[in-house]
Amino acid sequence: MVVYADDLDRECQLFLDKPEWLYRNGIRLTETATGYGKKLTTDFKIKFMGRNYRIYTTVYSNNGSNWFQCKKYGKVFIRNCRLDWGKIYLVGGLV
């Protein structure tokens, strides 16, 4: 079963949290040689239902999906969203 964040929590806080190991001399490194992969780390975290989670992306060809992992729901995907000054407004939520 696919679980979407906007089905569970309408408004989430998105914030920048750069993982140190992904940077060398201020330049972001890629985790794979091709840039594609199943669980690529992003520079963002999301505050979802009172907890902070790292946002990952899965990228193959010209398609990508953003998601995070939590114990209660497993893999939670982020559907269409709008970034606005550090907040992420999910479809159906406040815009």
PDB file of N, CA and C in Angstrom:
ATOM      1  N   MET A   1       0.834  -1.178   0.000  1.00  0.00           N
ATOM      2  CA  MET A   1       0.000   0.000   0.000  1.00  0.00           C
ATOM      3  C   MET A   1       0.886   1.251   0.000  1.00  0.00           C
ATOM      4  N   VAL A   2       0.588   2.174  -0.859  1.00  0.00           N
ATOM      5  CA  VAL A   2       1.341   3.427  -0.942  1.00  0.00           C
ATOM      6  C   VAL A   2       0.716   4.428   0.023  1.00  0.00           C
ATOM      7  N   VAL A   3       1.550   5.046   0.855  1.00  0.00           N
ATOM      8  CA  VAL A   3       1.088   6.032   1.833  1.00  0.00           C
ATOM      9  C   VAL A   3       1.618   7.394   1.414  1.00  0.00           C
ATOM     10  N   TYR A   4       0.732   8.392   1.366  1.00  0.00           N
ATOM     11  CA  TYR A   4       1.121   9.756   1.008  1.00  0.00           C
ATOM     12  C   TYR A   4       1.033  10.653   2.234  1.00  0.00           C
ATOM     13  N   ALA A   5       1.991  11.568   2.345  1.00  0.00           N
ATOM     14  CA  ALA A   5       2.064  12.458   3.500  1.00  0.00           C
ATOM     15  C   ALA A   5       0.813  13.310   3.650  1.00  0.00           C
ATOM     16  N   ASP A   6       0.240  13.782   2.525  1.00  0.00           N
ATOM     17  CA  ASP A   6      -0.921  14.665   2.622  1.00  0.00           C
ATOM     18  C   ASP A   6      -2.184  13.932   3.069  1.00  0.00           C
ATOM     19  N   ASP A   7      -2.182  12.618   3.020  1.00  0.00           N
ATOM     20  CA  ASP A   7      -3.306  11.856   3.554  1.00  0.00           C
ATOM     21  C   ASP A   7      -3.251  11.784   5.081  1.00  0.00           C
ATOM     22  N   LEU A   8      -2.071  12.033   5.646  1.00  0.00           N
ATOM     23  CA  LEU A   8      -1.878  11.869   7.083  1.00  0.00           C
ATOM     24  C   LEU A   8      -1.725  13.192   7.837  1.00  0.00           C
ATOM     25  N   ASP A   9      -1.057  14.160   7.234  1.00  0.00           N
ATOM     26  CA  ASP A   9      -0.773  15.429   7.903  1.00  0.00           C
ATOM     27  C   ASP A   9      -0.744  16.527   6.845  1.00  0.00           C
ATOM     28  N   ARG A  10      -1.654  17.489   6.945  1.00  0.00           N
ATOM     29  CA  ARG A  10      -1.819  18.501   5.893  1.00  0.00           C
ATOM     30  C   ARG A  10      -0.656  19.475   5.760  1.00  0.00           C
ATOM     31  N   GLU A  11      -0.116  19.951   6.845  1.00  0.00           N
ATOM     32  CA  GLU A  11       0.947  20.964   6.770  1.00  0.00           C
ATOM     33  C   GLU A  11       2.195  20.454   7.467  1.00  0.00           C
ATOM     34  N   CYS A  12       3.303  20.455   6.752  1.00  0.00           N
ATOM     35  CA  CYS A  12       4.574  19.992   7.290  1.00  0.00           C
ATOM     36  C   CYS A  12       5.610  21.092   7.127  1.00  0.00           C
ATOM     37  N   GLN A  13       6.579  21.127   8.007  1.00  0.00           N
ATOM     38  CA  GLN A  13       7.668  22.083   7.914  1.00  0.00           C
ATOM     39  C   GLN A  13       8.844  21.434   7.205  1.00  0.00           C
ATOM     40  N   LEU A  14       9.368  22.097   6.195  1.00  0.00           N
ATOM     41  CA  LEU A  14      10.538  21.623   5.463  1.00  0.00           C
ATOM     42  C   LEU A  14      11.710  22.507   5.832  1.00  0.00           C
ATOM     43  N   PHE A  15      12.866  21.914   6.106  1.00  0.00           N
ATOM     44  CA  PHE A  15      14.028  22.738   6.425  1.00  0.00           C
ATOM     45  C   PHE A  15      15.293  22.107   5.889  1.00  0.00           C
ATOM     46  N   LEU A  16      16.283  22.960   5.665  1.00  0.00           N
ATOM     47  CA  LEU A  16      17.565  22.556   5.116  1.00  0.00           C
ATOM     48  C   LEU A  16      18.426  21.990   6.230  1.00  0.00           C
ATOM     49  N   ASP A  17      19.025  20.849   5.988  1.00  0.00           N
ATOM     50  CA  ASP A  17      19.925  20.217   6.947  1.00  0.00           C
ATOM     51  C   ASP A  17      20.966  19.444   6.145  1.00  0.00           C
ATOM     52  N   LYS A  18      22.046  20.120   5.772  1.00  0.00           N
ATOM     53  CA  LYS A  18      23.051  19.516   4.899  1.00  0.00           C
ATOM     54  C   LYS A  18      23.859  18.455   5.645  1.00  0.00           C
ATOM     55  N   PRO A  19      23.845  17.217   5.155  1.00  0.00           N
ATOM     56  CA  PRO A  19      24.691  16.194   5.770  1.00  0.00           C
ATOM     57  C   PRO A  19      26.161  16.451   5.426  1.00  0.00           C
ATOM     58  N   GLU A  20      27.007  16.532   6.439  1.00  0.00           N
ATOM     59  CA  GLU A  20      28.418  16.886   6.250  1.00  0.00           C
ATOM     60  C   GLU A  20      29.144  15.931   5.304  1.00  0.00           C
ATOM     61  N   TRP A  21      28.832  14.651   5.360  1.00  0.00           N
ATOM     62  CA  TRP A  21      29.565  13.667   4.568  1.00  0.00           C
ATOM     63  C   TRP A  21      29.285  13.793   3.070  1.00  0.00           C
ATOM     64  N   LEU A  22      28.263  14.552   2.675  1.00  0.00           N
ATOM     65  CA  LEU A  22      27.951  14.716   1.251  1.00  0.00           C
ATOM     66  C   LEU A  22      28.691  15.886   0.610  1.00  0.00           C
ATOM     67  N   TYR A  23      29.487  16.596   1.389  1.00  0.00           N
ATOM     68  CA  TYR A  23      30.171  17.782   0.872  1.00  0.00           C
ATOM     69  C   TYR A  23      31.672  17.669   1.042  1.00  0.00           C
ATOM     70  N   ARG A  24      32.412  18.130   0.035  1.00  0.00           N
ATOM     71  CA  ARG A  24      33.863  18.212   0.125  1.00  0.00           C
ATOM     72  C   ARG A  24      34.270  19.569  -0.426  1.00  0.00           C
ATOM     73  N   ASN A  25      34.885  20.382   0.395  1.00  0.00           N
ATOM     74  CA  ASN A  25      35.293  21.743   0.008  1.00  0.00           C
ATOM     75  C   ASN A  25      34.110  22.570  -0.488  1.00  0.00           C
ATOM     76  N   GLY A  26      32.946  22.403   0.107  1.00  0.00           N
ATOM     77  CA  GLY A  26      31.770  23.180  -0.245  1.00  0.00           C
ATOM     78  C   GLY A  26      31.036  22.695  -1.486  1.00  0.00           C
ATOM     79  N   ILE A  27      31.514  21.614  -2.096  1.00  0.00           N
ATOM     80  CA  ILE A  27      30.876  21.077  -3.309  1.00  0.00           C
ATOM     81  C   ILE A  27      30.141  19.789  -2.954  1.00  0.00           C
ATOM     82  N   ARG A  28      28.882  19.691  -3.407  1.00  0.00           N
ATOM     83  CA  ARG A  28      28.078  18.507  -3.106  1.00  0.00           C
ATOM     84  C   ARG A  28      28.542  17.332  -3.950  1.00  0.00           C
ATOM     85  N   LEU A  29      28.780  16.202  -3.298  1.00  0.00           N
ATOM     86  CA  LEU A  29      29.192  14.989  -3.985  1.00  0.00           C
ATOM     87  C   LEU A  29      27.959  14.179  -4.380  1.00  0.00           C
ATOM     88  N   THR A  30      28.086  13.353  -5.396  1.00  0.00           N
ATOM     89  CA  THR A  30      26.997  12.447  -5.740  1.00  0.00           C
ATOM     90  C   THR A  30      27.232  11.121  -5.036  1.00  0.00           C
ATOM     91  N   GLU A  31      26.152  10.441  -4.683  1.00  0.00           N
ATOM     92  CA  GLU A  31      26.275   9.171  -3.975  1.00  0.00           C
ATOM     93  C   GLU A  31      26.554   8.010  -4.921  1.00  0.00           C
ATOM     94  N   THR A  32      26.168   8.159  -6.182  1.00  0.00           N
ATOM     95  CA  THR A  32      26.446   7.128  -7.183  1.00  0.00           C
ATOM     96  C   THR A  32      27.129   7.771  -8.376  1.00  0.00           C
ATOM     97  N   ALA A  33      27.815   6.978  -9.155  1.00  0.00           N
ATOM     98  CA  ALA A  33      28.532   7.512 -10.320  1.00  0.00           C
ATOM     99  C   ALA A  33      27.575   8.088 -11.361  1.00  0.00           C
ATOM    100  N   THR A  34      26.398   7.498 -11.499  1.00  0.00           N
ATOM    101  CA  THR A  34      25.448   7.943 -12.516  1.00  0.00           C
ATOM    102  C   THR A  34      24.520   9.050 -12.035  1.00  0.00           C
ATOM    103  N   GLY A  35      24.370   9.183 -10.712  1.00  0.00           N
ATOM    104  CA  GLY A  35      23.419  10.154 -10.174  1.00  0.00           C
ATOM    105  C   GLY A  35      22.032   9.571  -9.992  1.00  0.00           C
ATOM    106  N   TYR A  36      21.852   8.324 -10.424  1.00  0.00           N
ATOM    107  CA  TYR A  36      20.582   7.638 -10.242  1.00  0.00           C
ATOM    108  C   TYR A  36      20.683   6.705  -9.051  1.00  0.00           C
ATOM    109  N   GLY A  37      19.546   6.370  -8.456  1.00  0.00           N
ATOM    110  CA  GLY A  37      19.587   5.437  -7.347  1.00  0.00           C
ATOM    111  C   GLY A  37      18.258   5.284  -6.646  1.00  0.00           C
ATOM    112  N   LYS A  38      18.230   4.353  -5.721  1.00  0.00           N
ATOM    113  CA  LYS A  38      17.021   3.961  -5.011  1.00  0.00           C
ATOM    114  C   LYS A  38      16.790   4.778  -3.738  1.00  0.00           C
ATOM    115  N   LYS A  39      17.873   5.178  -3.071  1.00  0.00           N
ATOM    116  CA  LYS A  39      17.751   5.928  -1.815  1.00  0.00           C
ATOM    117  C   LYS A  39      18.859   6.980  -1.756  1.00  0.00           C
ATOM    118  N   LEU A  40      18.624   8.091  -2.451  1.00  0.00           N
ATOM    119  CA  LEU A  40      19.599   9.174  -2.488  1.00  0.00           C
ATOM    120  C   LEU A  40      19.254  10.204  -1.416  1.00  0.00           C
ATOM    121  N   THR A  41      20.234  10.603  -0.654  1.00  0.00           N
ATOM    122  CA  THR A  41      20.045  11.559   0.422  1.00  0.00           C
ATOM    123  C   THR A  41      19.873  12.968  -0.136  1.00  0.00           C
ATOM    124  N   THR A  42      18.884  13.704   0.371  1.00  0.00           N
ATOM    125  CA  THR A  42      18.718  15.104  -0.022  1.00  0.00           C
ATOM    126  C   THR A  42      19.232  16.003   1.099  1.00  0.00           C
ATOM    127  N   ASP A  43      19.244  17.297   0.852  1.00  0.00           N
ATOM    128  CA  ASP A  43      19.672  18.271   1.853  1.00  0.00           C
ATOM    129  C   ASP A  43      18.525  18.692   2.767  1.00  0.00           C
ATOM    130  N   PHE A  44      17.387  18.051   2.673  1.00  0.00           N
ATOM    131  CA  PHE A  44      16.206  18.497   3.393  1.00  0.00           C
ATOM    132  C   PHE A  44      15.687  17.483   4.395  1.00  0.00           C
ATOM    133  N   LYS A  45      15.069  18.008   5.429  1.00  0.00           N
ATOM    134  CA  LYS A  45      14.313  17.214   6.382  1.00  0.00           C
ATOM    135  C   LYS A  45      12.898  17.773   6.430  1.00  0.00           C
ATOM    136  N   ILE A  46      11.973  16.965   6.911  1.00  0.00           N
ATOM    137  CA  ILE A  46      10.585  17.390   7.018  1.00  0.00           C
ATOM    138  C   ILE A  46      10.106  17.124   8.444  1.00  0.00           C
ATOM    139  N   LYS A  47       9.395  18.099   8.994  1.00  0.00           N
ATOM    140  CA  LYS A  47       8.778  17.902  10.311  1.00  0.00           C
ATOM    141  C   LYS A  47       7.378  17.377  10.051  1.00  0.00           C
ATOM    142  N   PHE A  48       7.154  16.124  10.396  1.00  0.00           N
ATOM    143  CA  PHE A  48       5.924  15.423  10.083  1.00  0.00           C
ATOM    144  C   PHE A  48       5.368  14.817  11.360  1.00  0.00           C
ATOM    145  N   MET A  49       4.177  15.255  11.735  1.00  0.00           N
ATOM    146  CA  MET A  49       3.521  14.772  12.955  1.00  0.00           C
ATOM    147  C   MET A  49       4.430  14.884  14.183  1.00  0.00           C
ATOM    148  N   GLY A  50       5.128  16.017  14.280  1.00  0.00           N
ATOM    149  CA  GLY A  50       5.938  16.311  15.460  1.00  0.00           C
ATOM    150  C   GLY A  50       7.351  15.749  15.468  1.00  0.00           C
ATOM    151  N   ARG A  51       7.766  15.036  14.434  1.00  0.00           N
ATOM    152  CA  ARG A  51       9.118  14.476  14.377  1.00  0.00           C
ATOM    153  C   ARG A  51       9.806  14.905  13.090  1.00  0.00           C
ATOM    154  N   ASN A  52      11.140  14.915  13.125  1.00  0.00           N
ATOM    155  CA  ASN A  52      11.929  15.284  11.951  1.00  0.00           C
ATOM    156  C   ASN A  52      12.402  14.036  11.213  1.00  0.00           C
ATOM    157  N   TYR A  53      12.237  14.044   9.897  1.00  0.00           N
ATOM    158  CA  TYR A  53      12.652  12.924   9.060  1.00  0.00           C
ATOM    159  C   TYR A  53      13.457  13.440   7.880  1.00  0.00           C
ATOM    160  N   ARG A  54      14.511  12.701   7.512  1.00  0.00           N
ATOM    161  CA  ARG A  54      15.310  13.020   6.332  1.00  0.00           C
ATOM    162  C   ARG A  54      14.486  12.691   5.085  1.00  0.00           C
ATOM    163  N   ILE A  55      14.518  13.564   4.087  1.00  0.00           N
ATOM    164  CA  ILE A  55      13.834  13.302   2.826  1.00  0.00           C
ATOM    165  C   ILE A  55      14.831  12.651   1.869  1.00  0.00           C
ATOM    166  N   TYR A  56      14.430  11.535   1.309  1.00  0.00           N
ATOM    167  CA  TYR A  56      15.221  10.809   0.321  1.00  0.00           C
ATOM    168  C   TYR A  56      14.543  10.927  -1.031  1.00  0.00           C
ATOM    169  N   THR A  57      15.293  10.642  -2.073  1.00  0.00           N
ATOM    170  CA  THR A  57      14.707  10.637  -3.407  1.00  0.00           C
ATOM    171  C   THR A  57      15.139   9.378  -4.141  1.00  0.00           C
ATOM    172  N   THR A  58      14.252   8.860  -4.968  1.00  0.00           N
ATOM    173  CA  THR A  58      14.544   7.737  -5.843  1.00  0.00           C
ATOM    174  C   THR A  58      14.489   8.274  -7.271  1.00  0.00           C
ATOM    175  N   VAL A  59      15.594   8.116  -8.004  1.00  0.00           N
ATOM    176  CA  VAL A  59      15.675   8.687  -9.350  1.00  0.00           C
ATOM    177  C   VAL A  59      16.140   7.630 -10.341  1.00  0.00           C
ATOM    178  N   TYR A  60      15.340   7.431 -11.374  1.00  0.00           N
ATOM    179  CA  TYR A  60      15.717   6.605 -12.523  1.00  0.00           C
ATOM    180  C   TYR A  60      15.217   7.310 -13.769  1.00  0.00           C
ATOM    181  N   SER A  61      16.024   7.318 -14.808  1.00  0.00           N
ATOM    182  CA  SER A  61      15.691   7.971 -16.067  1.00  0.00           C
ATOM    183  C   SER A  61      15.371   9.443 -15.802  1.00  0.00           C
ATOM    184  N   ASN A  62      14.208   9.924 -16.209  1.00  0.00           N
ATOM    185  CA  ASN A  62      13.874  11.328 -15.967  1.00  0.00           C
ATOM    186  C   ASN A  62      12.750  11.458 -14.936  1.00  0.00           C
ATOM    187  N   ASN A  63      12.634  10.487 -14.055  1.00  0.00           N
ATOM    188  CA  ASN A  63      11.557  10.466 -13.072  1.00  0.00           C
ATOM    189  C   ASN A  63      12.127  10.314 -11.670  1.00  0.00           C
ATOM    190  N   GLY A  64      11.550  11.041 -10.718  1.00  0.00           N
ATOM    191  CA  GLY A  64      12.001  10.942  -9.339  1.00  0.00           C
ATOM    192  C   GLY A  64      10.851  10.994  -8.363  1.00  0.00           C
ATOM    193  N   SER A  65      11.037  10.377  -7.201  1.00  0.00           N
ATOM    194  CA  SER A  65      10.040  10.395  -6.131  1.00  0.00           C
ATOM    195  C   SER A  65      10.720  10.802  -4.837  1.00  0.00           C
ATOM    196  N   ASN A  66      10.093  11.709  -4.100  1.00  0.00           N
ATOM    197  CA  ASN A  66      10.601  12.121  -2.788  1.00  0.00           C
ATOM    198  C   ASN A  66       9.813  11.407  -1.712  1.00  0.00           C
ATOM    199  N   TRP A  67      10.508  10.949  -0.676  1.00  0.00           N
ATOM    200  CA  TRP A  67       9.858  10.185   0.371  1.00  0.00           C
ATOM    201  C   TRP A  67      10.700  10.223   1.649  1.00  0.00           C
ATOM    202  N   PHE A  68      10.096   9.780   2.736  1.00  0.00           N
ATOM    203  CA  PHE A  68      10.823   9.602   3.993  1.00  0.00           C
ATOM    204  C   PHE A  68      10.315   8.332   4.655  1.00  0.00           C
ATOM    205  N   GLN A  69      11.080   7.842   5.598  1.00  0.00           N
ATOM    206  CA  GLN A  69      10.772   6.578   6.256  1.00  0.00           C
ATOM    207  C   GLN A  69      10.402   6.838   7.712  1.00  0.00           C
ATOM    208  N   CYS A  70       9.265   6.314   8.154  1.00  0.00           N
ATOM    209  CA  CYS A  70       8.919   6.390   9.575  1.00  0.00           C
ATOM    210  C   CYS A  70       8.428   5.019  10.034  1.00  0.00           C
ATOM    211  N   LYS A  71       8.588   4.744  11.318  1.00  0.00           N
ATOM    212  CA  LYS A  71       8.256   3.424  11.855  1.00  0.00           C
ATOM    213  C   LYS A  71       6.782   3.079  11.723  1.00  0.00           C
ATOM    214  N   LYS A  72       5.926   4.041  11.991  1.00  0.00           N
ATOM    215  CA  LYS A  72       4.492   3.766  12.026  1.00  0.00           C
ATOM    216  C   LYS A  72       3.909   3.465  10.650  1.00  0.00           C
ATOM    217  N   TYR A  73       4.325   4.219   9.622  1.00  0.00           N
ATOM    218  CA  TYR A  73       3.740   4.088   8.290  1.00  0.00           C
ATOM    219  C   TYR A  73       4.683   3.499   7.247  1.00  0.00           C
ATOM    220  N   GLY A  74       5.944   3.315   7.571  1.00  0.00           N
ATOM    221  CA  GLY A  74       6.914   2.830   6.596  1.00  0.00           C
ATOM    222  C   GLY A  74       7.349   3.946   5.671  1.00  0.00           C
ATOM    223  N   LYS A  75       7.383   3.686   4.381  1.00  0.00           N
ATOM    224  CA  LYS A  75       7.808   4.678   3.394  1.00  0.00           C
ATOM    225  C   LYS A  75       6.627   5.595   3.087  1.00  0.00           C
ATOM    226  N   VAL A  76       6.804   6.897   3.352  1.00  0.00           N
ATOM    227  CA  VAL A  76       5.759   7.894   3.116  1.00  0.00           C
ATOM    228  C   VAL A  76       6.210   8.790   1.970  1.00  0.00           C
ATOM    229  N   PHE A  77       5.415   8.843   0.913  1.00  0.00           N
ATOM    230  CA  PHE A  77       5.754   9.623  -0.269  1.00  0.00           C
ATOM    231  C   PHE A  77       5.187  11.034  -0.175  1.00  0.00           C
ATOM    232  N   ILE A  78       5.869  11.973  -0.811  1.00  0.00           N
ATOM    233  CA  ILE A  78       5.419  13.355  -0.864  1.00  0.00           C
ATOM    234  C   ILE A  78       4.868  13.595  -2.264  1.00  0.00           C
ATOM    235  N   ARG A  79       3.568  13.842  -2.331  1.00  0.00           N
ATOM    236  CA  ARG A  79       2.912  14.118  -3.615  1.00  0.00           C
ATOM    237  C   ARG A  79       3.207  15.542  -4.034  1.00  0.00           C
ATOM    238  N   ASN A  80       2.512  16.028  -5.052  1.00  0.00           N
ATOM    239  CA  ASN A  80       2.672  17.410  -5.522  1.00  0.00           C
ATOM    240  C   ASN A  80       2.700  18.363  -4.341  1.00  0.00           C
ATOM    241  N   CYS A  81       3.657  19.245  -4.347  1.00  0.00           N
ATOM    242  CA  CYS A  81       3.777  20.169  -3.226  1.00  0.00           C
ATOM    243  C   CYS A  81       4.312  21.506  -3.718  1.00  0.00           C
ATOM    244  N   ARG A  82       4.187  22.504  -2.866  1.00  0.00           N
ATOM    245  CA  ARG A  82       4.674  23.841  -3.176  1.00  0.00           C
ATOM    246  C   ARG A  82       5.584  24.283  -2.035  1.00  0.00           C
ATOM    247  N   LEU A  83       6.807  24.672  -2.354  1.00  0.00           N
ATOM    248  CA  LEU A  83       7.734  25.173  -1.341  1.00  0.00           C
ATOM    249  C   LEU A  83       7.541  26.667  -1.204  1.00  0.00           C
ATOM    250  N   ASP A  84       7.429  27.140   0.030  1.00  0.00           N
ATOM    251  CA  ASP A  84       7.196  28.558   0.256  1.00  0.00           C
ATOM    252  C   ASP A  84       7.904  28.990   1.530  1.00  0.00           C
ATOM    253  N   TRP A  85       9.092  29.555   1.382  1.00  0.00           N
ATOM    254  CA  TRP A  85       9.865  30.084   2.504  1.00  0.00           C
ATOM    255  C   TRP A  85      10.019  29.071   3.633  1.00  0.00           C
ATOM    256  N   GLY A  86      10.509  27.893   3.303  1.00  0.00           N
ATOM    257  CA  GLY A  86      10.806  26.909   4.329  1.00  0.00           C
ATOM    258  C   GLY A  86       9.625  26.066   4.753  1.00  0.00           C
ATOM    259  N   LYS A  87       8.436  26.326   4.203  1.00  0.00           N
ATOM    260  CA  LYS A  87       7.284  25.489   4.513  1.00  0.00           C
ATOM    261  C   LYS A  87       6.906  24.716   3.267  1.00  0.00           C
ATOM    262  N   ILE A  88       6.377  23.551   3.467  1.00  0.00           N
ATOM    263  CA  ILE A  88       5.905  22.769   2.335  1.00  0.00           C
ATOM    264  C   ILE A  88       4.407  22.618   2.483  1.00  0.00           C
ATOM    265  N   TYR A  89       3.681  23.053   1.490  1.00  0.00           N
ATOM    266  CA  TYR A  89       2.227  22.942   1.527  1.00  0.00           C
ATOM    267  C   TYR A  89       1.817  21.827   0.596  1.00  0.00           C
ATOM    268  N   LEU A  90       1.209  20.826   1.138  1.00  0.00           N
ATOM    269  CA  LEU A  90       0.826  19.658   0.353  1.00  0.00           C
ATOM    270  C   LEU A  90      -0.528  19.903  -0.309  1.00  0.00           C
ATOM    271  N   VAL A  91      -0.773  19.217  -1.397  1.00  0.00           N
ATOM    272  CA  VAL A  91      -2.031  19.349  -2.120  1.00  0.00           C
ATOM    273  C   VAL A  91      -3.184  19.072  -1.158  1.00  0.00           C
ATOM    274  N   GLY A  92      -4.187  19.940  -1.185  1.00  0.00           N
ATOM    275  CA  GLY A  92      -5.323  19.779  -0.281  1.00  0.00           C
ATOM    276  C   GLY A  92      -5.146  20.532   1.019  1.00  0.00           C
ATOM    277  N   GLY A  93      -3.908  20.990   1.297  1.00  0.00           N
ATOM    278  CA  GLY A  93      -3.644  21.762   2.508  1.00  0.00           C
ATOM    279  C   GLY A  93      -3.724  23.242   2.223  1.00  0.00           C
ATOM    280  N   LEU A  94      -3.164  24.033   3.084  1.00  0.00           N
ATOM    281  CA  LEU A  94      -3.166  25.479   2.905  1.00  0.00           C
ATOM    282  C   LEU A  94      -2.241  25.868   1.773  1.00  0.00           C
ATOM    283  N   VAL A  95      -2.672  26.796   0.951  1.00  0.00           N
ATOM    284  CA  VAL A  95      -1.829  27.302  -0.146  1.00  0.00           C
ATOM    285  C   VAL A  95      -1.778  28.809  -0.076  1.00  0.00           C
TER     286      VAL A  95
END
